[in-house]
Amino acid sequence: MTDYTQQYDAIIFDCDGTLTDSMPLHFVAWRDTMQIYGIDFGEDAFYGMAGMPSEKIIAKLSSEQGVDVDADQVSHEKEAAFESMIDRLEAKSEVCQIARDHFGKLPMAVASGGIRPIVDRQLEHLGIADLFGAIVTAEDTEHHKPQPDVFLKAAELLQVDPTKCLVFEDSELGFAAAEKAGMAWIDVR
């Protein structure tokens, strides 16, 4: 086990693709939901937008493809599709083990571009929700990854200097957000 207690004052984890191996399930939910509306959402585009809130993804795709949709409605449908598959969700075991190993040794948070009910369900499904002193989701900040707000909010809730935090993340948007927050980061891919 790598011990981060000497180098950092807190650890912040992204959820989807970092603590949970949810990205394949999210892709299926996105692809199937967007097909209903005649919007193409390929795998490359999906991974390129990892970390972006659902409403922004829908607005971008519908604008690019000239399809008028209710972003809130489509977002709810996509989240429902994902939620229906949550029993198939698996942990990113190496990253979850880092969280377990540092529980009680460093304050830890989850900082995700996902919505709270879905993030909470994933953490509960994997039995790791109690490891984190704070959970920050898309609803908690105005600006989202690649902006640093979600990570800065997590550091604030943990009462830790952002520059003393280590972020575990799996997306380019997340890496950029961590850097803007002044935080070190590790690519879990």
Protein backbone atom coordinates (compact mmCIF):
# COMPACT_ATOMS: atom_id res chain seq x y z
CA MET A 1 0.00 0.00 0.00
CA THR A 2 1.17 3.51 -0.82
CA ASP A 3 0.82 5.69 2.27
CA TYR A 4 -0.23 9.24 1.38
CA THR A 5 -0.46 10.49 4.98
CA GLN A 6 2.99 12.09 5.04
CA GLN A 7 2.58 13.99 1.77
CA TYR A 8 -1.08 15.12 1.81
CA ASP A 9 -3.69 16.39 4.28
CA ALA A 10 -6.69 14.93 2.40
CA ILE A 11 -7.66 12.69 -0.50
CA ILE A 12 -10.47 13.50 -2.93
CA PHE A 13 -11.91 10.86 -5.25
CA ASP A 14 -13.98 11.23 -8.38
CA CYS A 15 -16.77 8.63 -8.41
CA ASP A 16 -17.65 7.39 -11.91
CA GLY A 17 -14.72 5.62 -13.51
CA THR A 18 -12.56 6.17 -10.44
CA LEU A 19 -14.16 4.51 -7.41
CA THR A 20 -16.74 2.71 -9.53
CA ASP A 21 -16.37 0.94 -12.85
CA SER A 22 -19.54 2.66 -13.98
CA MET A 23 -18.47 4.12 -17.29
CA PRO A 24 -19.51 1.13 -19.45
CA LEU A 25 -22.96 1.18 -17.81
CA HIS A 26 -23.23 4.96 -18.23
CA PHE A 27 -22.31 4.60 -21.90
CA VAL A 28 -25.09 2.07 -22.52
CA ALA A 29 -27.60 4.28 -20.67
CA TRP A 30 -26.50 7.35 -22.66
CA ARG A 31 -26.41 5.59 -26.04
CA ASP A 32 -29.82 3.98 -25.61
CA THR A 33 -31.49 7.11 -24.24
CA MET A 34 -30.09 9.42 -26.91
CA GLN A 35 -31.08 6.99 -29.70
CA ILE A 36 -34.71 7.44 -28.64
CA TYR A 37 -34.38 11.11 -29.63
CA GLY A 38 -32.42 10.47 -32.81
CA ILE A 39 -29.17 11.74 -31.30
CA ASP A 40 -25.99 9.83 -32.03
CA PHE A 41 -23.65 9.54 -29.05
CA GLY A 42 -20.65 7.36 -29.87
CA GLU A 43 -18.22 5.89 -27.41
CA ASP A 44 -15.36 8.28 -28.29
CA ALA A 45 -17.59 11.32 -27.76
CA PHE A 46 -18.88 9.82 -24.51
CA TYR A 47 -15.41 9.35 -23.02
CA GLY A 48 -14.37 12.77 -24.28
CA MET A 49 -17.13 14.35 -22.19
CA ALA A 50 -16.46 12.32 -19.03
CA GLY A 51 -16.96 14.50 -15.97
CA MET A 52 -19.40 16.90 -17.68
CA PRO A 53 -22.90 17.22 -16.13
CA SER A 54 -25.70 15.49 -18.05
CA GLU A 55 -27.61 18.66 -18.97
CA LYS A 56 -24.48 20.13 -20.58
CA ILE A 57 -23.84 16.94 -22.55
CA ILE A 58 -27.43 16.91 -23.80
CA ALA A 59 -27.36 20.60 -24.72
CA LYS A 60 -24.08 20.15 -26.63
CA LEU A 61 -25.18 17.04 -28.54
CA SER A 62 -28.68 18.31 -29.36
CA SER A 63 -27.26 21.63 -30.58
CA GLU A 64 -24.57 19.95 -32.70
CA GLN A 65 -27.08 17.52 -34.23
CA GLY A 66 -29.94 20.01 -34.63
CA VAL A 67 -32.37 18.12 -32.39
CA ASP A 68 -34.61 20.03 -29.98
CA VAL A 69 -35.04 18.15 -26.68
CA ASP A 70 -35.96 18.93 -23.09
CA ALA A 71 -32.55 18.50 -21.43
CA ASP A 72 -34.05 17.96 -17.96
CA GLN A 73 -36.40 15.23 -19.23
CA VAL A 74 -33.69 13.46 -21.22
CA SER A 75 -31.32 13.69 -18.25
CA HIS A 76 -33.90 12.07 -15.96
CA GLU A 77 -34.48 9.29 -18.51
CA LYS A 78 -30.74 8.66 -18.84
CA GLU A 79 -30.26 8.54 -15.05
CA ALA A 80 -33.22 6.15 -14.71
CA ALA A 81 -31.68 3.90 -17.36
CA PHE A 82 -28.37 3.91 -15.48
CA GLU A 83 -30.06 3.34 -12.13
CA SER A 84 -31.84 0.29 -13.53
CA MET A 85 -28.39 -1.29 -14.09
CA ILE A 86 -26.77 -0.31 -10.77
CA ASP A 87 -26.95 -3.87 -9.45
CA ARG A 88 -24.36 -4.74 -12.15
CA LEU A 89 -21.99 -2.01 -10.95
CA GLU A 90 -18.51 -3.10 -9.93
CA ALA A 91 -15.85 -1.35 -7.88
CA LYS A 92 -12.51 -0.13 -9.14
CA SER A 93 -11.03 -2.34 -6.45
CA GLU A 94 -7.52 -0.83 -6.36
CA VAL A 95 -8.88 2.70 -5.86
CA CYS A 96 -11.48 1.61 -3.30
CA GLN A 97 -8.70 -0.16 -1.40
CA ILE A 98 -6.74 3.11 -1.23
CA ALA A 99 -9.81 4.74 0.33
CA ARG A 100 -10.21 1.88 2.82
CA ASP A 101 -6.50 1.98 3.70
CA HIS A 102 -6.64 5.73 4.44
CA PHE A 103 -9.96 5.75 6.30
CA GLY A 104 -9.39 7.31 9.72
CA LYS A 105 -5.89 8.43 8.71
CA LEU A 106 -6.76 11.28 6.31
CA PRO A 107 -10.00 13.17 5.66
CA MET A 108 -11.50 12.01 2.36
CA ALA A 109 -14.20 13.25 0.02
CA VAL A 110 -15.92 12.34 -3.21
CA ALA A 111 -16.13 15.13 -5.80
CA SER A 112 -18.22 14.15 -8.83
CA GLY A 113 -19.90 15.69 -11.84
CA GLY A 114 -22.72 13.21 -11.26
CA ILE A 115 -25.96 13.93 -9.42
CA ARG A 116 -26.26 13.17 -5.71
CA PRO A 117 -28.85 10.35 -5.82
CA ILE A 118 -26.81 8.40 -8.37
CA VAL A 119 -23.47 9.01 -6.66
CA ASP A 120 -24.94 8.05 -3.28
CA ARG A 121 -26.50 4.87 -4.70
CA GLN A 122 -23.18 3.81 -6.24
CA LEU A 123 -21.22 4.38 -3.02
CA GLU A 124 -23.87 2.55 -0.99
CA HIS A 125 -24.00 -0.34 -3.46
CA LEU A 126 -20.25 -0.82 -3.02
CA GLY A 127 -20.41 -0.42 0.77
CA ILE A 128 -17.98 2.52 0.85
CA ALA A 129 -20.26 5.52 1.50
CA ASP A 130 -19.19 5.78 5.14
CA LEU A 131 -15.52 6.26 4.23
CA PHE A 132 -16.04 9.85 3.11
CA GLY A 133 -16.41 12.96 5.24
CA ALA A 134 -17.90 14.93 2.35
CA ILE A 135 -19.61 14.21 -0.95
CA VAL A 136 -19.83 17.00 -3.51
CA THR A 137 -21.94 16.52 -6.66
CA ALA A 138 -23.10 18.56 -9.66
CA GLU A 139 -25.87 20.20 -7.60
CA ASP A 140 -23.38 21.66 -5.13
CA THR A 141 -21.45 23.97 -7.48
CA GLU A 142 -22.34 26.38 -10.26
CA HIS A 143 -19.30 25.58 -12.40
CA HIS A 144 -18.27 22.03 -13.29
CA LYS A 145 -15.15 20.24 -14.43
CA PRO A 146 -12.81 21.45 -15.98
CA GLN A 147 -13.47 24.30 -13.53
CA PRO A 148 -12.05 23.54 -10.05
CA ASP A 149 -15.22 24.27 -8.04
CA VAL A 150 -16.14 20.68 -7.13
CA PHE A 151 -12.66 19.98 -5.77
CA LEU A 152 -12.41 23.32 -3.98
CA LYS A 153 -15.81 22.72 -2.35
CA ALA A 154 -14.66 19.27 -1.18
CA ALA A 155 -11.49 20.76 0.36
CA GLU A 156 -13.58 23.45 2.05
CA LEU A 157 -15.96 20.87 3.54
CA LEU A 158 -12.99 18.81 4.77
CA GLN A 159 -11.45 22.04 6.15
CA VAL A 160 -8.18 21.37 4.33
CA ASP A 161 -5.93 23.63 2.24
CA PRO A 162 -6.64 22.70 -1.41
CA THR A 163 -2.93 22.60 -2.21
CA LYS A 164 -2.53 19.81 0.37
CA CYS A 165 -5.07 17.54 -1.36
CA LEU A 166 -4.50 14.57 -3.65
CA VAL A 167 -7.15 13.82 -6.28
CA PHE A 168 -7.87 10.42 -7.83
CA GLU A 169 -9.51 10.97 -11.21
CA ASP A 170 -10.08 9.29 -14.58
CA SER A 171 -10.87 12.11 -17.02
CA GLU A 172 -9.08 14.94 -18.79
CA LEU A 173 -11.71 17.38 -17.50
CA GLY A 174 -11.03 16.15 -13.97
CA PHE A 175 -7.25 16.48 -14.33
CA ALA A 176 -7.69 20.07 -15.53
CA ALA A 177 -10.04 20.84 -12.63
CA ALA A 178 -7.59 19.41 -10.08
CA GLU A 179 -4.73 21.45 -11.55
CA LYS A 180 -6.83 24.63 -11.47
CA ALA A 181 -7.60 23.89 -7.79
CA GLY A 182 -3.85 23.62 -7.09
CA MET A 183 -4.17 19.93 -6.26
CA ALA A 184 -1.95 17.00 -7.17
CA TRP A 185 -3.75 14.24 -9.07
CA ILE A 186 -3.36 10.61 -10.05
CA ASP A 187 -4.77 9.18 -13.28
CA VAL A 188 -6.49 5.90 -12.33
CA ARG A 189 -7.02 4.72 -15.92
